[in-house]
Amino acid sequence: MKATLEAKKLVPELFVSSSAKLSRMALTERKNIVMQLLLDNRFPVREENDNLLIEDNIWIQPPYYPENCVCTNSIILSKVQNILIYANVE
């Protein structure tokens, strides 16, 4: 489903990306929290160009929420997304 220009004008907050809502400091904090949470759960995570990578199979893009995960393996994707639910920046 595509949003029309008219719809974007009526409800602009729905079309703002999540990363635009976080400050640079909050984004860095969230990345560190997510990275530590994944390491605590024994996922070999590393950082590459602001993305988090797990074994070159899962990419987590900023702002590092479950919906920002990219993976072709649905089982692994689901496990990582469930972990990311617990990564909150207060």
PDB file of N, CA and C in Angstrom:
ATOM      1  N   MET A   1       0.841  -1.167   0.000  1.00  0.00           N
ATOM      2  CA  MET A   1       0.000   0.000   0.000  1.00  0.00           C
ATOM      3  C   MET A   1       0.891   1.236   0.000  1.00  0.00           C
ATOM      4  N   LYS A   2       0.646   2.141  -0.895  1.00  0.00           N
ATOM      5  CA  LYS A   2       1.437   3.365  -0.986  1.00  0.00           C
ATOM      6  C   LYS A   2       0.646   4.531  -0.408  1.00  0.00           C
ATOM      7  N   ALA A   3       1.372   5.414   0.235  1.00  0.00           N
ATOM      8  CA  ALA A   3       0.745   6.606   0.796  1.00  0.00           C
ATOM      9  C   ALA A   3       0.752   7.706  -0.257  1.00  0.00           C
ATOM     10  N   THR A   4      -0.355   8.348  -0.387  1.00  0.00           N
ATOM     11  CA  THR A   4      -0.434   9.460  -1.331  1.00  0.00           C
ATOM     12  C   THR A   4       0.124  10.713  -0.674  1.00  0.00           C
ATOM     13  N   LEU A   5       0.459  11.680  -1.479  1.00  0.00           N
ATOM     14  CA  LEU A   5       0.971  12.945  -0.963  1.00  0.00           C
ATOM     15  C   LEU A   5      -0.066  13.602  -0.058  1.00  0.00           C
ATOM     16  N   GLU A   6      -1.323  13.479  -0.433  1.00  0.00           N
ATOM     17  CA  GLU A   6      -2.401  14.059   0.376  1.00  0.00           C
ATOM     18  C   GLU A   6      -2.462  13.398   1.753  1.00  0.00           C
ATOM     19  N   ALA A   7      -2.319  12.087   1.800  1.00  0.00           N
ATOM     20  CA  ALA A   7      -2.343  11.377   3.081  1.00  0.00           C
ATOM     21  C   ALA A   7      -1.160  11.789   3.946  1.00  0.00           C
ATOM     22  N   LYS A   8       0.000  11.973   3.329  1.00  0.00           N
ATOM     23  CA  LYS A   8       1.184  12.389   4.083  1.00  0.00           C
ATOM     24  C   LYS A   8       1.004  13.775   4.684  1.00  0.00           C
ATOM     25  N   LYS A   9       0.266  14.625   4.014  1.00  0.00           N
ATOM     26  CA  LYS A   9       0.008  15.965   4.540  1.00  0.00           C
ATOM     27  C   LYS A   9      -0.977  15.917   5.699  1.00  0.00           C
ATOM     28  N   LEU A  10      -1.926  14.995   5.654  1.00  0.00           N
ATOM     29  CA  LEU A  10      -2.944  14.904   6.693  1.00  0.00           C
ATOM     30  C   LEU A  10      -2.396  14.332   7.995  1.00  0.00           C
ATOM     31  N   VAL A  11      -1.569  13.331   7.910  1.00  0.00           N
ATOM     32  CA  VAL A  11      -1.003  12.704   9.103  1.00  0.00           C
ATOM     33  C   VAL A  11       0.513  12.525   8.947  1.00  0.00           C
ATOM     34  N   PRO A  12       1.268  13.606   8.971  1.00  0.00           N
ATOM     35  CA  PRO A  12       2.707  13.526   8.707  1.00  0.00           C
ATOM     36  C   PRO A  12       3.483  12.707   9.729  1.00  0.00           C
ATOM     37  N   GLU A  13       3.035  12.663  10.988  1.00  0.00           N
ATOM     38  CA  GLU A  13       3.782  11.934  12.004  1.00  0.00           C
ATOM     39  C   GLU A  13       3.815  10.434  11.735  1.00  0.00           C
ATOM     40  N   LEU A  14       2.895   9.925  10.948  1.00  0.00           N
ATOM     41  CA  LEU A  14       2.904   8.505  10.611  1.00  0.00           C
ATOM     42  C   LEU A  14       3.964   8.165   9.576  1.00  0.00           C
ATOM     43  N   PHE A  15       4.458   9.159   8.862  1.00  0.00           N
ATOM     44  CA  PHE A  15       5.397   8.913   7.788  1.00  0.00           C
ATOM     45  C   PHE A  15       6.816   9.356   8.125  1.00  0.00           C
ATOM     46  N   VAL A  16       7.060   9.692   9.388  1.00  0.00           N
ATOM     47  CA  VAL A  16       8.398  10.067   9.823  1.00  0.00           C
ATOM     48  C   VAL A  16       9.105   8.788  10.246  1.00  0.00           C
ATOM     49  N   SER A  17      10.317   8.592   9.792  1.00  0.00           N
ATOM     50  CA  SER A  17      11.043   7.377  10.151  1.00  0.00           C
ATOM     51  C   SER A  17      11.380   7.389  11.636  1.00  0.00           C
ATOM     52  N   SER A  18      11.512   6.206  12.220  1.00  0.00           N
ATOM     53  CA  SER A  18      11.808   6.083  13.640  1.00  0.00           C
ATOM     54  C   SER A  18      13.133   6.724  14.000  1.00  0.00           C
ATOM     55  N   SER A  19      14.115   6.638  13.100  1.00  0.00           N
ATOM     56  CA  SER A  19      15.423   7.204  13.402  1.00  0.00           C
ATOM     57  C   SER A  19      15.371   8.716  13.524  1.00  0.00           C
ATOM     58  N   ALA A  20      14.425   9.346  12.837  1.00  0.00           N
ATOM     59  CA  ALA A  20      14.295  10.795  12.923  1.00  0.00           C
ATOM     60  C   ALA A  20      13.768  11.213  14.289  1.00  0.00           C
ATOM     61  N   LYS A  21      13.139  10.299  15.000  1.00  0.00           N
ATOM     62  CA  LYS A  21      12.565  10.610  16.303  1.00  0.00           C
ATOM     63  C   LYS A  21      13.594  10.520  17.428  1.00  0.00           C
ATOM     64  N   LEU A  22      14.722   9.865  17.189  1.00  0.00           N
ATOM     65  CA  LEU A  22      15.752   9.715  18.208  1.00  0.00           C
ATOM     66  C   LEU A  22      16.902  10.680  17.947  1.00  0.00           C
ATOM     67  N   SER A  23      17.402  11.275  19.018  1.00  0.00           N
ATOM     68  CA  SER A  23      18.580  12.132  18.875  1.00  0.00           C
ATOM     69  C   SER A  23      19.796  11.247  18.605  1.00  0.00           C
ATOM     70  N   ARG A  24      20.874  11.863  18.161  1.00  0.00           N
ATOM     71  CA  ARG A  24      22.097  11.107  17.873  1.00  0.00           C
ATOM     72  C   ARG A  24      22.591  10.404  19.131  1.00  0.00           C
ATOM     73  N   MET A  25      22.482  11.087  20.278  1.00  0.00           N
ATOM     74  CA  MET A  25      22.923  10.500  21.534  1.00  0.00           C
ATOM     75  C   MET A  25      22.046   9.306  21.923  1.00  0.00           C
ATOM     76  N   ALA A  26      20.735   9.450  21.770  1.00  0.00           N
ATOM     77  CA  ALA A  26      19.810   8.359  22.091  1.00  0.00           C
ATOM     78  C   ALA A  26      20.020   7.177  21.151  1.00  0.00           C
ATOM     79  N   LEU A  27      20.327   7.470  19.901  1.00  0.00           N
ATOM     80  CA  LEU A  27      20.572   6.417  18.920  1.00  0.00           C
ATOM     81  C   LEU A  27      21.835   5.627  19.279  1.00  0.00           C
ATOM     82  N   THR A  28      22.875   6.334  19.686  1.00  0.00           N
ATOM     83  CA  THR A  28      24.115   5.678  20.104  1.00  0.00           C
ATOM     84  C   THR A  28      23.880   4.849  21.356  1.00  0.00           C
ATOM     85  N   GLU A  29      23.120   5.394  22.289  1.00  0.00           N
ATOM     86  CA  GLU A  29      22.805   4.669  23.517  1.00  0.00           C
ATOM     87  C   GLU A  29      22.012   3.405  23.204  1.00  0.00           C
ATOM     88  N   ARG A  30      21.034   3.522  22.328  1.00  0.00           N
ATOM     89  CA  ARG A  30      20.220   2.361  21.955  1.00  0.00           C
ATOM     90  C   ARG A  30      21.082   1.299  21.272  1.00  0.00           C
ATOM     91  N   LYS A  31      21.981   1.723  20.388  1.00  0.00           N
ATOM     92  CA  LYS A  31      22.863   0.780  19.701  1.00  0.00           C
ATOM     93  C   LYS A  31      23.706   0.012  20.713  1.00  0.00           C
ATOM     94  N   ASN A  32      24.255   0.718  21.698  1.00  0.00           N
ATOM     95  CA  ASN A  32      25.083   0.072  22.715  1.00  0.00           C
ATOM     96  C   ASN A  32      24.276  -0.901  23.566  1.00  0.00           C
ATOM     97  N   ILE A  33      23.059  -0.521  23.917  1.00  0.00           N
ATOM     98  CA  ILE A  33      22.192  -1.401  24.703  1.00  0.00           C
ATOM     99  C   ILE A  33      21.857  -2.661  23.909  1.00  0.00           C
ATOM    100  N   VAL A  34      21.479  -2.482  22.653  1.00  0.00           N
ATOM    101  CA  VAL A  34      21.132  -3.619  21.795  1.00  0.00           C
ATOM    102  C   VAL A  34      22.340  -4.531  21.616  1.00  0.00           C
ATOM    103  N   MET A  35      23.484  -3.933  21.370  1.00  0.00           N
ATOM    104  CA  MET A  35      24.697  -4.718  21.167  1.00  0.00           C
ATOM    105  C   MET A  35      25.022  -5.544  22.411  1.00  0.00           C
ATOM    106  N   GLN A  36      24.942  -4.932  23.586  1.00  0.00           N
ATOM    107  CA  GLN A  36      25.238  -5.646  24.825  1.00  0.00           C
ATOM    108  C   GLN A  36      24.206  -6.741  25.093  1.00  0.00           C
ATOM    109  N   LEU A  37      22.952  -6.457  24.826  1.00  0.00           N
ATOM    110  CA  LEU A  37      21.891  -7.445  25.017  1.00  0.00           C
ATOM    111  C   LEU A  37      22.109  -8.662  24.115  1.00  0.00           C
ATOM    112  N   LEU A  38      22.504  -8.424  22.884  1.00  0.00           N
ATOM    113  CA  LEU A  38      22.779  -9.528  21.960  1.00  0.00           C
ATOM    114  C   LEU A  38      24.004 -10.327  22.406  1.00  0.00           C
ATOM    115  N   LEU A  39      25.041  -9.636  22.871  1.00  0.00           N
ATOM    116  CA  LEU A  39      26.230 -10.328  23.372  1.00  0.00           C
ATOM    117  C   LEU A  39      25.893 -11.157  24.610  1.00  0.00           C
ATOM    118  N   ASP A  40      25.069 -10.612  25.496  1.00  0.00           N
ATOM    119  CA  ASP A  40      24.639 -11.340  26.692  1.00  0.00           C
ATOM    120  C   ASP A  40      23.863 -12.604  26.333  1.00  0.00           C
ATOM    121  N   ASN A  41      23.200 -12.580  25.190  1.00  0.00           N
ATOM    122  CA  ASN A  41      22.435 -13.737  24.721  1.00  0.00           C
ATOM    123  C   ASN A  41      23.245 -14.600  23.750  1.00  0.00           C
ATOM    124  N   ARG A  42      24.547 -14.412  23.764  1.00  0.00           N
ATOM    125  CA  ARG A  42      25.493 -15.222  22.999  1.00  0.00           C
ATOM    126  C   ARG A  42      25.394 -15.083  21.480  1.00  0.00           C
ATOM    127  N   PHE A  43      24.976 -13.917  21.020  1.00  0.00           N
ATOM    128  CA  PHE A  43      24.982 -13.633  19.586  1.00  0.00           C
ATOM    129  C   PHE A  43      26.276 -12.895  19.258  1.00  0.00           C
ATOM    130  N   PRO A  44      27.066 -13.398  18.323  1.00  0.00           N
ATOM    131  CA  PRO A  44      28.318 -12.732  17.952  1.00  0.00           C
ATOM    132  C   PRO A  44      28.045 -11.502  17.088  1.00  0.00           C
ATOM    133  N   VAL A  45      27.825 -10.396  17.737  1.00  0.00           N
ATOM    134  CA  VAL A  45      27.433  -9.174  17.037  1.00  0.00           C
ATOM    135  C   VAL A  45      28.633  -8.256  16.846  1.00  0.00           C
ATOM    136  N   ARG A  46      28.654  -7.589  15.702  1.00  0.00           N
ATOM    137  CA  ARG A  46      29.694  -6.589  15.435  1.00  0.00           C
ATOM    138  C   ARG A  46      29.043  -5.406  14.732  1.00  0.00           C
ATOM    139  N   GLU A  47      29.764  -4.302  14.739  1.00  0.00           N
ATOM    140  CA  GLU A  47      29.243  -3.071  14.148  1.00  0.00           C
ATOM    141  C   GLU A  47      29.917  -2.813  12.804  1.00  0.00           C
ATOM    142  N   GLU A  48      29.112  -2.386  11.841  1.00  0.00           N
ATOM    143  CA  GLU A  48      29.644  -2.032  10.523  1.00  0.00           C
ATOM    144  C   GLU A  48      28.788  -0.919   9.924  1.00  0.00           C
ATOM    145  N   ASN A  49      29.382   0.260   9.780  1.00  0.00           N
ATOM    146  CA  ASN A  49      28.685   1.420   9.189  1.00  0.00           C
ATOM    147  C   ASN A  49      27.339   1.714   9.854  1.00  0.00           C
ATOM    148  N   ASP A  50      27.319   1.809  11.156  1.00  0.00           N
ATOM    149  CA  ASP A  50      26.110   2.079  11.947  1.00  0.00           C
ATOM    150  C   ASP A  50      25.108   0.934  11.951  1.00  0.00           C
ATOM    151  N   ASN A  51      25.391  -0.155  11.269  1.00  0.00           N
ATOM    152  CA  ASN A  51      24.539  -1.340  11.316  1.00  0.00           C
ATOM    153  C   ASN A  51      25.155  -2.340  12.276  1.00  0.00           C
ATOM    154  N   LEU A  52      24.317  -3.166  12.881  1.00  0.00           N
ATOM    155  CA  LEU A  52      24.808  -4.266  13.695  1.00  0.00           C
ATOM    156  C   LEU A  52      24.652  -5.540  12.880  1.00  0.00           C
ATOM    157  N   LEU A  53      25.685  -6.365  12.862  1.00  0.00           N
ATOM    158  CA  LEU A  53      25.670  -7.607  12.095  1.00  0.00           C
ATOM    159  C   LEU A  53      25.879  -8.790  13.021  1.00  0.00           C
ATOM    160  N   ILE A  54      25.133  -9.839  12.748  1.00  0.00           N
ATOM    161  CA  ILE A  54      25.311 -11.090  13.471  1.00  0.00           C
ATOM    162  C   ILE A  54      25.668 -12.144  12.430  1.00  0.00           C
ATOM    163  N   GLU A  55      26.936 -12.569  12.450  1.00  0.00           N
ATOM    164  CA  GLU A  55      27.412 -13.614  11.536  1.00  0.00           C
ATOM    165  C   GLU A  55      27.085 -13.351  10.067  1.00  0.00           C
ATOM    166  N   ASP A  56      27.039 -12.135   9.661  1.00  0.00           N
ATOM    167  CA  ASP A  56      26.707 -11.765   8.276  1.00  0.00           C
ATOM    168  C   ASP A  56      25.358 -12.309   7.813  1.00  0.00           C
ATOM    169  N   ASN A  57      24.512 -12.718   8.753  1.00  0.00           N
ATOM    170  CA  ASN A  57      23.184 -13.241   8.425  1.00  0.00           C
ATOM    171  C   ASN A  57      22.066 -12.277   8.786  1.00  0.00           C
ATOM    172  N   ILE A  58      22.282 -11.518   9.840  1.00  0.00           N
ATOM    173  CA  ILE A  58      21.253 -10.586  10.305  1.00  0.00           C
ATOM    174  C   ILE A  58      21.841  -9.183  10.332  1.00  0.00           C
ATOM    175  N   TRP A  59      21.127  -8.261   9.726  1.00  0.00           N
ATOM    176  CA  TRP A  59      21.490  -6.846   9.758  1.00  0.00           C
ATOM    177  C   TRP A  59      20.450  -6.136  10.606  1.00  0.00           C
ATOM    178  N   ILE A  60      20.914  -5.337  11.545  1.00  0.00           N
ATOM    179  CA  ILE A  60      20.005  -4.503  12.334  1.00  0.00           C
ATOM    180  C   ILE A  60      20.389  -3.061  12.030  1.00  0.00           C
ATOM    181  N   GLN A  61      19.473  -2.364  11.411  1.00  0.00           N
ATOM    182  CA  GLN A  61      19.730  -0.996  10.978  1.00  0.00           C
ATOM    183  C   GLN A  61      19.206  -0.010  12.015  1.00  0.00           C
ATOM    184  N   PRO A  62      19.785   1.189  12.059  1.00  0.00           N
ATOM    185  CA  PRO A  62      19.270   2.208  12.974  1.00  0.00           C
ATOM    186  C   PRO A  62      17.797   2.462  12.703  1.00  0.00           C
ATOM    187  N   PRO A  63      17.021   2.648  13.709  1.00  0.00           N
ATOM    188  CA  PRO A  63      17.292   2.875  15.127  1.00  0.00           C
ATOM    189  C   PRO A  63      17.280   1.612  15.990  1.00  0.00           C
ATOM    190  N   TYR A  64      17.522   0.445  15.400  1.00  0.00           N
ATOM    191  CA  TYR A  64      17.748  -0.804  16.128  1.00  0.00           C
ATOM    192  C   TYR A  64      16.512  -1.332  16.856  1.00  0.00           C
ATOM    193  N   TYR A  65      15.377  -1.233  16.223  1.00  0.00           N
ATOM    194  CA  TYR A  65      14.133  -1.808  16.740  1.00  0.00           C
ATOM    195  C   TYR A  65      13.860  -3.123  16.020  1.00  0.00           C
ATOM    196  N   PRO A  66      12.977  -3.968  16.545  1.00  0.00           N
ATOM    197  CA  PRO A  66      12.695  -5.253  15.892  1.00  0.00           C
ATOM    198  C   PRO A  66      12.352  -5.133  14.407  1.00  0.00           C
ATOM    199  N   GLU A  67      11.639  -4.101  14.032  1.00  0.00           N
ATOM    200  CA  GLU A  67      11.255  -3.938  12.627  1.00  0.00           C
ATOM    201  C   GLU A  67      12.420  -3.493  11.737  1.00  0.00           C
ATOM    202  N   ASN A  68      13.576  -3.200  12.343  1.00  0.00           N
ATOM    203  CA  ASN A  68      14.753  -2.783  11.579  1.00  0.00           C
ATOM    204  C   ASN A  68      15.709  -3.939  11.301  1.00  0.00           C
ATOM    205  N   CYS A  69      15.267  -5.159  11.580  1.00  0.00           N
ATOM    206  CA  CYS A  69      16.084  -6.350  11.336  1.00  0.00           C
ATOM    207  C   CYS A  69      15.848  -6.871   9.925  1.00  0.00           C
ATOM    208  N   VAL A  70      16.930  -7.301   9.300  1.00  0.00           N
ATOM    209  CA  VAL A  70      16.844  -7.887   7.962  1.00  0.00           C
ATOM    210  C   VAL A  70      17.536  -9.244   8.012  1.00  0.00           C
ATOM    211  N   CYS A  71      16.782 -10.294   7.682  1.00  0.00           N
ATOM    212  CA  CYS A  71      17.326 -11.644   7.706  1.00  0.00           C
ATOM    213  C   CYS A  71      16.450 -12.555   6.851  1.00  0.00           C
ATOM    214  N   THR A  72      17.068 -13.499   6.170  1.00  0.00           N
ATOM    215  CA  THR A  72      16.296 -14.421   5.341  1.00  0.00           C
ATOM    216  C   THR A  72      15.817 -15.639   6.119  1.00  0.00           C
ATOM    217  N   ASN A  73      16.410 -15.896   7.283  1.00  0.00           N
ATOM    218  CA  ASN A  73      16.011 -17.024   8.113  1.00  0.00           C
ATOM    219  C   ASN A  73      14.971 -16.549   9.122  1.00  0.00           C
ATOM    220  N   SER A  74      13.737 -16.960   8.938  1.00  0.00           N
ATOM    221  CA  SER A  74      12.641 -16.460   9.776  1.00  0.00           C
ATOM    222  C   SER A  74      12.756 -16.894  11.235  1.00  0.00           C
ATOM    223  N   ILE A  75      13.353 -18.036  11.502  1.00  0.00           N
ATOM    224  CA  ILE A  75      13.496 -18.515  12.881  1.00  0.00           C
ATOM    225  C   ILE A  75      14.490 -17.639  13.639  1.00  0.00           C
ATOM    226  N   ILE A  76      15.638 -17.397  13.039  1.00  0.00           N
ATOM    227  CA  ILE A  76      16.650 -16.542  13.667  1.00  0.00           C
ATOM    228  C   ILE A  76      16.133 -15.112  13.780  1.00  0.00           C
ATOM    229  N   LEU A  77      15.478 -14.642  12.746  1.00  0.00           N
ATOM    230  CA  LEU A  77      14.912 -13.291  12.756  1.00  0.00           C
ATOM    231  C   LEU A  77      13.964 -13.116  13.933  1.00  0.00           C
ATOM    232  N   SER A  78      13.096 -14.080  14.133  1.00  0.00           N
ATOM    233  CA  SER A  78      12.130 -14.018  15.233  1.00  0.00           C
ATOM    234  C   SER A  78      12.825 -13.986  16.591  1.00  0.00           C
ATOM    235  N   LYS A  79      13.863 -14.798  16.767  1.00  0.00           N
ATOM    236  CA  LYS A  79      14.590 -14.830  18.043  1.00  0.00           C
ATOM    237  C   LYS A  79      15.253 -13.488  18.335  1.00  0.00           C
ATOM    238  N   VAL A  80      15.887 -12.913  17.330  1.00  0.00           N
ATOM    239  CA  VAL A  80      16.556 -11.623  17.518  1.00  0.00           C
ATOM    240  C   VAL A  80      15.526 -10.527  17.776  1.00  0.00           C
ATOM    241  N   GLN A  81      14.432 -10.532  17.047  1.00  0.00           N
ATOM    242  CA  GLN A  81      13.391  -9.522  17.250  1.00  0.00           C
ATOM    243  C   GLN A  81      12.806  -9.615  18.652  1.00  0.00           C
ATOM    244  N   ASN A  82      12.634 -10.823  19.171  1.00  0.00           N
ATOM    245  CA  ASN A  82      12.122 -10.985  20.533  1.00  0.00           C
ATOM    246  C   ASN A  82      13.092 -10.426  21.562  1.00  0.00           C
ATOM    247  N   ILE A  83      14.379 -10.556  21.317  1.00  0.00           N
ATOM    248  CA  ILE A  83      15.384  -9.989  22.223  1.00  0.00           C
ATOM    249  C   ILE A  83      15.350  -8.465  22.167  1.00  0.00           C
ATOM    250  N   LEU A  84      15.196  -7.910  20.972  1.00  0.00           N
ATOM    251  CA  LEU A  84      15.205  -6.452  20.818  1.00  0.00           C
ATOM    252  C   LEU A  84      14.024  -5.775  21.507  1.00  0.00           C
ATOM    253  N   ILE A  85      12.974  -6.507  21.745  1.00  0.00           N
ATOM    254  CA  ILE A  85      11.823  -5.946  22.457  1.00  0.00           C
ATOM    255  C   ILE A  85      12.246  -5.462  23.847  1.00  0.00           C
ATOM    256  N   TYR A  86      13.255  -6.122  24.428  1.00  0.00           N
ATOM    257  CA  TYR A  86      13.696  -5.782  25.782  1.00  0.00           C
ATOM    258  C   TYR A  86      14.737  -4.672  25.827  1.00  0.00           C
ATOM    259  N   ALA A  87      15.163  -4.181  24.687  1.00  0.00           N
ATOM    260  CA  ALA A  87      16.166  -3.110  24.642  1.00  0.00           C
ATOM    261  C   ALA A  87      15.458  -1.764  24.632  1.00  0.00           C
ATOM    262  N   ASN A  88      15.322  -1.166  25.779  1.00  0.00           N
ATOM    263  CA  ASN A  88      14.631   0.122  25.889  1.00  0.00           C
ATOM    264  C   ASN A  88      15.579   1.205  26.365  1.00  0.00           C
ATOM    265  N   VAL A  89      15.471   2.357  25.748  1.00  0.00           N
ATOM    266  CA  VAL A  89      16.226   3.525  26.187  1.00  0.00           C
ATOM    267  C   VAL A  89      15.281   4.356  27.032  1.00  0.00           C
ATOM    268  N   GLU A  90      15.620   4.503  28.276  1.00  0.00           N
ATOM    269  CA  GLU A  90      14.755   5.264  29.198  1.00  0.00           C
ATOM    270  C   GLU A  90      15.047   6.738  29.073  1.00  0.00           C
TER     271      GLU A  90
END
